PDB file of N, CA and C in Angstrom:
ATOM      1  N   MET A   1     -11.943 -40.694   9.993  1.00  0.00           N
ATOM      2  CA  MET A   1     -13.033 -41.022   9.747  1.00  0.00           C
ATOM      3  C   MET A   1     -13.881 -42.219   8.761  1.00  0.00           C
ATOM      4  N   LYS A   2     -13.830 -41.663   7.319  1.00  0.00           N
ATOM      5  CA  LYS A   2     -14.729 -42.663   6.303  1.00  0.00           C
ATOM      6  C   LYS A   2     -13.655 -44.226   6.841  1.00  0.00           C
ATOM      7  N   GLU A   3     -12.525 -44.114   6.829  1.00  0.00           N
ATOM      8  CA  GLU A   3     -11.599 -45.135   7.105  1.00  0.00           C
ATOM      9  C   GLU A   3     -12.387 -46.118   8.128  1.00  0.00           C
ATOM     10  N   MET A   4     -12.565 -45.495   9.225  1.00  0.00           N
ATOM     11  CA  MET A   4     -13.297 -46.299  10.406  1.00  0.00           C
ATOM     12  C   MET A   4     -14.992 -45.855  10.608  1.00  0.00           C
ATOM     13  N   LYS A   5     -15.229 -46.442   9.337  1.00  0.00           N
ATOM     14  CA  LYS A   5     -16.869 -46.420   8.526  1.00  0.00           C
ATOM     15  C   LYS A   5     -17.907 -45.445  10.271  1.00  0.00           C
ATOM     16  N   GLU A   6     -17.456 -44.496  10.347  1.00  0.00           N
ATOM     17  CA  GLU A   6     -17.825 -43.705  11.023  1.00  0.00           C
ATOM     18  C   GLU A   6     -19.629 -43.009  10.546  1.00  0.00           C
ATOM     19  N   SER A   7     -20.418 -42.880  10.895  1.00  0.00           N
ATOM     20  CA  SER A   7     -21.990 -42.466  10.502  1.00  0.00           C
ATOM     21  C   SER A   7     -21.582 -40.781   9.670  1.00  0.00           C
ATOM     22  N   GLU A   8     -21.979 -40.533   8.868  1.00  0.00           N
ATOM     23  CA  GLU A   8     -22.065 -39.376   8.025  1.00  0.00           C
ATOM     24  C   GLU A   8     -22.544 -38.498   9.070  1.00  0.00           C
ATOM     25  N   LEU A   9     -23.156 -38.776   9.822  1.00  0.00           N
ATOM     26  CA  LEU A   9     -23.901 -37.593  10.899  1.00  0.00           C
ATOM     27  C   LEU A   9     -22.807 -36.851  11.669  1.00  0.00           C
ATOM     28  N   GLU A  10     -21.895 -38.392  12.441  1.00  0.00           N
ATOM     29  CA  GLU A  10     -20.798 -37.744  12.962  1.00  0.00           C
ATOM     30  C   GLU A  10     -19.845 -37.193  11.884  1.00  0.00           C
ATOM     31  N   ILE A  11     -19.573 -37.147  11.018  1.00  0.00           N
ATOM     32  CA  ILE A  11     -18.524 -37.205   9.839  1.00  0.00           C
ATOM     33  C   ILE A  11     -19.146 -35.037   9.563  1.00  0.00           C
ATOM     34  N   LYS A  12     -19.484 -35.047   9.286  1.00  0.00           N
ATOM     35  CA  LYS A  12     -20.845 -33.984   9.617  1.00  0.00           C
ATOM     36  C   LYS A  12     -20.699 -32.732  10.567  1.00  0.00           C
ATOM     37  N   LYS A  13     -20.320 -33.576  11.734  1.00  0.00           N
ATOM     38  CA  LYS A  13     -20.504 -32.968  13.207  1.00  0.00           C
ATOM     39  C   LYS A  13     -18.831 -32.818  13.354  1.00  0.00           C
ATOM     40  N   ALA A  14     -18.384 -33.112  12.743  1.00  0.00           N
ATOM     41  CA  ALA A  14     -16.603 -33.164  13.500  1.00  0.00           C
ATOM     42  C   ALA A  14     -16.246 -32.320  12.014  1.00  0.00           C
ATOM     43  N   VAL A  15     -17.097 -32.195  11.101  1.00  0.00           N
ATOM     44  CA  VAL A  15     -16.824 -31.039   9.558  1.00  0.00           C
ATOM     45  C   VAL A  15     -16.745 -29.860   9.989  1.00  0.00           C
ATOM     46  N   THR A  16     -17.642 -29.764  10.741  1.00  0.00           N
ATOM     47  CA  THR A  16     -18.888 -28.245  11.344  1.00  0.00           C
ATOM     48  C   THR A  16     -17.990 -28.158  12.295  1.00  0.00           C
ATOM     49  N   GLU A  17     -17.525 -29.011  13.262  1.00  0.00           N
ATOM     50  CA  GLU A  17     -16.594 -28.314  14.065  1.00  0.00           C
ATOM     51  C   GLU A  17     -15.632 -27.773  14.259  1.00  0.00           C
ATOM     52  N   LEU A  18     -14.427 -28.361  13.186  1.00  0.00           N
ATOM     53  CA  LEU A  18     -13.151 -27.907  12.574  1.00  0.00           C
ATOM     54  C   LEU A  18     -13.561 -26.278  11.897  1.00  0.00           C
ATOM     55  N   LYS A  19     -14.444 -26.612  10.724  1.00  0.00           N
ATOM     56  CA  LYS A  19     -15.061 -25.194  10.643  1.00  0.00           C
ATOM     57  C   LYS A  19     -15.130 -23.800  11.091  1.00  0.00           C
ATOM     58  N   ALA A  20     -15.687 -23.662  13.082  1.00  0.00           N
ATOM     59  CA  ALA A  20     -15.969 -22.984  13.718  1.00  0.00           C
ATOM     60  C   ALA A  20     -14.588 -22.760  14.125  1.00  0.00           C
ATOM     61  N   ARG A  21     -13.606 -23.856  14.512  1.00  0.00           N
ATOM     62  CA  ARG A  21     -12.653 -23.371  15.023  1.00  0.00           C
ATOM     63  C   ARG A  21     -11.698 -22.585  14.330  1.00  0.00           C
ATOM     64  N   LYS A  22     -11.786 -23.028  12.960  1.00  0.00           N
ATOM     65  CA  LYS A  22     -10.697 -22.346  11.685  1.00  0.00           C
ATOM     66  C   LYS A  22     -11.841 -20.717  12.000  1.00  0.00           C
ATOM     67  N   LYS A  23     -13.420 -21.075  11.764  1.00  0.00           N
ATOM     68  CA  LYS A  23     -13.625 -19.374  12.067  1.00  0.00           C
ATOM     69  C   LYS A  23     -13.052 -18.593  13.166  1.00  0.00           C
ATOM     70  N   VAL A  24     -13.107 -19.540  14.767  1.00  0.00           N
ATOM     71  CA  VAL A  24     -12.167 -18.693  15.207  1.00  0.00           C
ATOM     72  C   VAL A  24     -11.056 -18.140  15.376  1.00  0.00           C
ATOM     73  N   LEU A  25     -10.080 -19.165  15.046  1.00  0.00           N
ATOM     74  CA  LEU A  25      -8.128 -18.712  14.688  1.00  0.00           C
ATOM     75  C   LEU A  25      -8.505 -17.834  14.010  1.00  0.00           C
ATOM     76  N   GLU A  26      -9.034 -17.753  12.548  1.00  0.00           N
ATOM     77  CA  GLU A  26      -9.138 -16.789  11.565  1.00  0.00           C
ATOM     78  C   GLU A  26      -9.655 -14.917  12.367  1.00  0.00           C
ATOM     79  N   ASP A  27     -10.235 -15.305  13.210  1.00  0.00           N
ATOM     80  CA  ASP A  27     -11.208 -13.860  13.523  1.00  0.00           C
ATOM     81  C   ASP A  27     -10.173 -13.387  14.798  1.00  0.00           C
ATOM     82  N   LYS A  28      -9.155 -14.328  15.373  1.00  0.00           N
ATOM     83  CA  LYS A  28      -8.357 -14.377  15.992  1.00  0.00           C
ATOM     84  C   LYS A  28      -7.016 -13.337  15.629  1.00  0.00           C
ATOM     85  N   GLU A  29      -6.173 -14.366  14.004  1.00  0.00           N
ATOM     86  CA  GLU A  29      -5.340 -13.766  13.430  1.00  0.00           C
ATOM     87  C   GLU A  29      -5.817 -12.569  12.935  1.00  0.00           C
ATOM     88  N   LEU A  30      -7.261 -11.629  12.829  1.00  0.00           N
ATOM     89  CA  LEU A  30      -7.020 -11.077  12.066  1.00  0.00           C
ATOM     90  C   LEU A  30      -6.900  -9.317  13.267  1.00  0.00           C
ATOM     91  N   GLU A  31      -7.775  -9.634  14.412  1.00  0.00           N
ATOM     92  CA  GLU A  31      -7.083  -9.093  15.336  1.00  0.00           C
ATOM     93  C   GLU A  31      -6.194  -8.272  15.864  1.00  0.00           C
ATOM     94  N   LEU A  32      -4.999  -9.993  16.015  1.00  0.00           N
ATOM     95  CA  LEU A  32      -3.762  -9.396  16.461  1.00  0.00           C
ATOM     96  C   LEU A  32      -3.059  -9.008  15.150  1.00  0.00           C
ATOM     97  N   SER A  33      -3.488  -8.482  13.886  1.00  0.00           N
ATOM     98  CA  SER A  33      -2.745  -8.510  12.799  1.00  0.00           C
ATOM     99  C   SER A  33      -2.614  -6.700  13.126  1.00  0.00           C
ATOM    100  N   ARG A  34      -1.778  -5.812  12.768  1.00  0.00           N
ATOM    101  CA  ARG A  34      -1.146  -4.782  12.282  1.00  0.00           C
ATOM    102  C   ARG A  34      -1.988  -4.295  11.380  1.00  0.00           C
ATOM    103  N   LYS A  35      -3.036  -3.487  11.363  1.00  0.00           N
ATOM    104  CA  LYS A  35      -4.151  -3.057  10.052  1.00  0.00           C
ATOM    105  C   LYS A  35      -3.239  -1.781   9.249  1.00  0.00           C
ATOM    106  N   ASP A  36      -2.297  -0.395  10.447  1.00  0.00           N
ATOM    107  CA  ASP A  36      -2.669   0.112  10.440  1.00  0.00           C
ATOM    108  C   ASP A  36      -0.745   0.836  10.119  1.00  0.00           C
ATOM    109  N   GLU A  37      -0.401   0.198  10.302  1.00  0.00           N
ATOM    110  CA  GLU A  37       0.845   0.012  10.617  1.00  0.00           C
ATOM    111  C   GLU A  37       2.090  -0.784   9.599  1.00  0.00           C
ATOM    112  N   GLU A  38       2.648   0.272   8.653  1.00  0.00           N
ATOM    113  CA  GLU A  38       2.972  -0.016   6.778  1.00  0.00           C
ATOM    114  C   GLU A  38       4.552   0.437   7.921  1.00  0.00           C
ATOM    115  N   PHE A  39       5.342  -0.519   7.046  1.00  0.00           N
ATOM    116  CA  PHE A  39       6.578  -0.240   7.058  1.00  0.00           C
ATOM    117  C   PHE A  39       7.424   1.455   6.670  1.00  0.00           C
ATOM    118  N   ASP A  40       8.039   1.890   7.236  1.00  0.00           N
ATOM    119  CA  ASP A  40       8.453   2.936   6.882  1.00  0.00           C
ATOM    120  C   ASP A  40       9.972   2.690   6.474  1.00  0.00           C
ATOM    121  N   ARG A  41      10.562   2.763   5.218  1.00  0.00           N
ATOM    122  CA  ARG A  41      12.103   2.380   4.711  1.00  0.00           C
ATOM    123  C   ARG A  41      12.962   3.377   5.829  1.00  0.00           C
ATOM    124  N   PHE A  42      12.150   4.747   5.075  1.00  0.00           N
ATOM    125  CA  PHE A  42      13.240   6.352   5.863  1.00  0.00           C
ATOM    126  C   PHE A  42      13.357   6.130   7.279  1.00  0.00           C
ATOM    127  N   LYS A  43      12.369   5.857   8.116  1.00  0.00           N
ATOM    128  CA  LYS A  43      13.049   5.293   9.788  1.00  0.00           C
ATOM    129  C   LYS A  43      13.416   4.344   9.710  1.00  0.00           C
ATOM    130  N   MET A  44      13.734   3.541   9.153  1.00  0.00           N
ATOM    131  CA  MET A  44      14.541   2.672   9.314  1.00  0.00           C
ATOM    132  C   MET A  44      15.771   2.591   9.357  1.00  0.00           C
ATOM    133  N   GLU A  45      16.246   3.086   8.410  1.00  0.00           N
ATOM    134  CA  GLU A  45      17.029   3.219   7.631  1.00  0.00           C
ATOM    135  C   GLU A  45      18.236   5.113   8.294  1.00  0.00           C
ATOM    136  N   ASP A  46      17.034   5.855   8.853  1.00  0.00           N
ATOM    137  CA  ASP A  46      17.151   6.605  10.204  1.00  0.00           C
ATOM    138  C   ASP A  46      17.990   6.053  11.452  1.00  0.00           C
ATOM    139  N   LEU A  47      16.912   5.100  11.588  1.00  0.00           N
ATOM    140  CA  LEU A  47      17.515   3.688  13.145  1.00  0.00           C
ATOM    141  C   LEU A  47      18.913   3.879  13.137  1.00  0.00           C
ATOM    142  N   LEU A  48      19.137   3.072  11.933  1.00  0.00           N
ATOM    143  CA  LEU A  48      20.263   2.573  11.144  1.00  0.00           C
ATOM    144  C   LEU A  48      21.567   3.076  11.517  1.00  0.00           C
ATOM    145  N   LYS A  49      21.100   4.342  10.972  1.00  0.00           N
ATOM    146  CA  LYS A  49      22.586   4.882  11.354  1.00  0.00           C
ATOM    147  C   LYS A  49      23.091   5.884  12.533  1.00  0.00           C
ATOM    148  N   ARG A  50      21.506   6.068  12.897  1.00  0.00           N
ATOM    149  CA  ARG A  50      22.036   6.679  13.864  1.00  0.00           C
ATOM    150  C   ARG A  50      22.585   6.028  15.185  1.00  0.00           C
ATOM    151  N   ARG A  51      22.395   4.282  15.417  1.00  0.00           N
ATOM    152  CA  ARG A  51      22.858   2.859  15.818  1.00  0.00           C
ATOM    153  C   ARG A  51      24.717   2.858  15.149  1.00  0.00           C
ATOM    154  N   PHE A  52      24.523   3.515  14.374  1.00  0.00           N
ATOM    155  CA  PHE A  52      26.271   3.319  13.203  1.00  0.00           C
ATOM    156  C   PHE A  52      26.265   2.169  13.061  1.00  0.00           C
ATOM    157  N   PHE A  53      25.252   1.649  12.417  1.00  0.00           N
ATOM    158  CA  PHE A  53      25.276   0.572  11.306  1.00  0.00           C
ATOM    159  C   PHE A  53      26.059   0.547  10.740  1.00  0.00           C
ATOM    160  N   TYR A  54      25.510   1.424   9.219  1.00  0.00           N
ATOM    161  CA  TYR A  54      26.097   2.282   8.763  1.00  0.00           C
ATOM    162  C   TYR A  54      25.863   3.319   8.110  1.00  0.00           C
ATOM    163  N   ASP A  55      26.782   4.169   7.102  1.00  0.00           N
ATOM    164  CA  ASP A  55      26.327   5.864   6.608  1.00  0.00           C
ATOM    165  C   ASP A  55      27.378   5.962   5.005  1.00  0.00           C
ATOM    166  N   GLN A  56      26.765   7.002   4.652  1.00  0.00           N
ATOM    167  CA  GLN A  56      27.247   7.392   3.711  1.00  0.00           C
ATOM    168  C   GLN A  56      29.088   7.405   3.798  1.00  0.00           C
ATOM    169  N   SER A  57      29.426   7.391   3.003  1.00  0.00           N
ATOM    170  CA  SER A  57      31.248   7.171   3.294  1.00  0.00           C
ATOM    171  C   SER A  57      31.508   8.262   3.977  1.00  0.00           C
ATOM    172  N   PHE A  58      31.520   9.482   3.981  1.00  0.00           N
ATOM    173  CA  PHE A  58      31.824  10.342   4.015  1.00  0.00           C
ATOM    174  C   PHE A  58      30.973  11.394   4.380  1.00  0.00           C
ATOM    175  N   ALA A  59      29.858  10.958   4.744  1.00  0.00           N
ATOM    176  CA  ALA A  59      28.936  11.828   6.321  1.00  0.00           C
ATOM    177  C   ALA A  59      29.634  11.893   7.370  1.00  0.00           C
ATOM    178  N   ILE A  60      30.896  10.738   8.430  1.00  0.00           N
ATOM    179  CA  ILE A  60      31.132  10.617   9.472  1.00  0.00           C
ATOM    180  C   ILE A  60      32.448  11.786   9.333  1.00  0.00           C
ATOM    181  N   TYR A  61      32.931  12.324   8.192  1.00  0.00           N
ATOM    182  CA  TYR A  61      33.618  13.521   8.279  1.00  0.00           C
ATOM    183  C   TYR A  61      33.687  14.355   7.601  1.00  0.00           C
ATOM    184  N   GLY A  62      31.729  14.704   7.609  1.00  0.00           N
ATOM    185  CA  GLY A  62      31.419  15.904   7.389  1.00  0.00           C
ATOM    186  C   GLY A  62      31.030  15.890   6.397  1.00  0.00           C
ATOM    187  N   GLY A  63      31.047  15.289   5.726  1.00  0.00           N
ATOM    188  CA  GLY A  63      30.582  15.238   4.270  1.00  0.00           C
ATOM    189  C   GLY A  63      30.683  15.182   3.096  1.00  0.00           C
ATOM    190  N   ARG A  64      31.964  15.929   3.512  1.00  0.00           N
ATOM    191  CA  ARG A  64      33.050  16.694   2.055  1.00  0.00           C
ATOM    192  C   ARG A  64      33.746  14.957   1.760  1.00  0.00           C
ATOM    193  N   HIS A  65      33.729  14.704   0.174  1.00  0.00           N
ATOM    194  CA  HIS A  65      34.675  13.899  -0.246  1.00  0.00           C
ATOM    195  C   HIS A  65      35.528  14.485  -1.522  1.00  0.00           C
ATOM    196  N   PHE A  66      37.214  14.393  -1.477  1.00  0.00           N
ATOM    197  CA  PHE A  66      38.039  15.277  -2.118  1.00  0.00           C
ATOM    198  C   PHE A  66      37.999  14.392  -3.154  1.00  0.00           C
ATOM    199  N   PHE A  67      36.926  12.848  -3.602  1.00  0.00           N
ATOM    200  CA  PHE A  67      37.599  12.533  -5.091  1.00  0.00           C
ATOM    201  C   PHE A  67      36.674  12.788  -5.959  1.00  0.00           C
ATOM    202  N   HIS A  68      36.948  13.452  -7.059  1.00  0.00           N
ATOM    203  CA  HIS A  68      35.924  13.598  -7.668  1.00  0.00           C
ATOM    204  C   HIS A  68      35.919  13.137  -9.312  1.00  0.00           C
ATOM    205  N   SER A  69      36.767  12.047  -9.107  1.00  0.00           N
ATOM    206  CA  SER A  69      36.833  11.653 -10.408  1.00  0.00           C
ATOM    207  C   SER A  69      34.839   9.986 -10.286  1.00  0.00           C
ATOM    208  N   SER A  70      34.737   9.953  -9.449  1.00  0.00           N
ATOM    209  CA  SER A  70      33.343   9.178  -9.272  1.00  0.00           C
ATOM    210  C   SER A  70      32.068   9.756  -8.269  1.00  0.00           C
ATOM    211  N   SER A  71      31.230   9.774  -9.438  1.00  0.00           N
ATOM    212  CA  SER A  71      29.597  10.440  -8.629  1.00  0.00           C
ATOM    213  C   SER A  71      29.157   9.379  -8.302  1.00  0.00           C
ATOM    214  N   LYS A  72      29.163   8.121  -7.482  1.00  0.00           N
ATOM    215  CA  LYS A  72      28.734   7.145  -7.119  1.00  0.00           C
ATOM    216  C   LYS A  72      28.640   7.778  -5.657  1.00  0.00           C
ATOM    217  N   ILE A  73      27.825   7.487  -4.739  1.00  0.00           N
ATOM    218  CA  ILE A  73      27.225   7.292  -2.994  1.00  0.00           C
ATOM    219  C   ILE A  73      27.355   5.839  -2.790  1.00  0.00           C
ATOM    220  N   THR A  74      28.926   6.491  -2.010  1.00  0.00           N
ATOM    221  CA  THR A  74      29.275   4.800  -0.756  1.00  0.00           C
ATOM    222  C   THR A  74      28.767   4.635  -0.173  1.00  0.00           C
ATOM    223  N   PHE A  75      28.895   3.246   0.396  1.00  0.00           N
ATOM    224  CA  PHE A  75      28.056   3.333   2.247  1.00  0.00           C
ATOM    225  C   PHE A  75      29.602   2.379   3.184  1.00  0.00           C
ATOM    226  N   THR A  76      29.988   3.066   3.973  1.00  0.00           N
ATOM    227  CA  THR A  76      30.521   2.332   5.021  1.00  0.00           C
ATOM    228  C   THR A  76      29.972   1.965   6.428  1.00  0.00           C
ATOM    229  N   TYR A  77      30.345   0.228   6.374  1.00  0.00           N
ATOM    230  CA  TYR A  77      30.071  -0.112   7.295  1.00  0.00           C
ATOM    231  C   TYR A  77      30.585   0.421   8.841  1.00  0.00           C
ATOM    232  N   LEU A  78      30.265   0.669   9.844  1.00  0.00           N
ATOM    233  CA  LEU A  78      30.317   1.179  11.081  1.00  0.00           C
ATOM    234  C   LEU A  78      30.476   0.019  12.176  1.00  0.00           C
ATOM    235  N   VAL A  79      30.516   0.141  12.893  1.00  0.00           N
ATOM    236  CA  VAL A  79      31.468  -0.159  14.417  1.00  0.00           C
ATOM    237  C   VAL A  79      30.076  -1.390  14.643  1.00  0.00           C
ATOM    238  N   THR A  80      28.869  -1.329  14.554  1.00  0.00           N
ATOM    239  CA  THR A  80      28.547  -2.505  15.293  1.00  0.00           C
ATOM    240  C   THR A  80      28.004  -3.160  13.539  1.00  0.00           C
ATOM    241  N   GLY A  81      27.666  -2.127  12.459  1.00  0.00           N
ATOM    242  CA  GLY A  81      27.334  -3.077  11.137  1.00  0.00           C
ATOM    243  C   GLY A  81      28.394  -4.022  10.731  1.00  0.00           C
ATOM    244  N   ILE A  82      29.733  -3.702  11.198  1.00  0.00           N
ATOM    245  CA  ILE A  82      30.427  -5.238  11.104  1.00  0.00           C
ATOM    246  C   ILE A  82      30.290  -5.848  12.331  1.00  0.00           C
ATOM    247  N   ILE A  83      30.120  -5.976  13.251  1.00  0.00           N
ATOM    248  CA  ILE A  83      29.901  -6.831  13.852  1.00  0.00           C
ATOM    249  C   ILE A  83      28.971  -7.458  13.985  1.00  0.00           C
ATOM    250  N   VAL A  84      27.466  -7.215  13.463  1.00  0.00           N
ATOM    251  CA  VAL A  84      27.207  -7.977  12.169  1.00  0.00           C
ATOM    252  C   VAL A  84      27.207  -8.735  11.321  1.00  0.00           C
ATOM    253  N   LEU A  85      27.874  -7.746  10.377  1.00  0.00           N
ATOM    254  CA  LEU A  85      27.997  -8.789   9.352  1.00  0.00           C
ATOM    255  C   LEU A  85      29.007  -9.808   9.518  1.00  0.00           C
ATOM    256  N   ASN A  86      30.212  -9.984  11.027  1.00  0.00           N
ATOM    257  CA  ASN A  86      31.057 -10.736  11.081  1.00  0.00           C
ATOM    258  C   ASN A  86      30.711 -11.722  11.665  1.00  0.00           C
ATOM    259  N   SER A  87      29.023 -11.914  12.432  1.00  0.00           N
ATOM    260  CA  SER A  87      28.997 -13.039  13.621  1.00  0.00           C
ATOM    261  C   SER A  87      27.674 -14.387  12.612  1.00  0.00           C
TER     262      SER A  87
END
């Protein structure tokens, strides 16, 4: 508008209108955002295990492992987890 040599009054009107539109958009964004819902990692892990994405390596065999040389917990990708990895 400045390049088009508009009057100061027209520029102020346009700026005021843009600020009002910005405020409406910000209010709508706050209204639509989820404030009280937080991400729960344990629920997500439980869902992934129940849907057969992954699980602890020996959990699918009753939770017992026969290798005492390692105290590390390993994970196994199950059927759907392998499909996701390969795609």
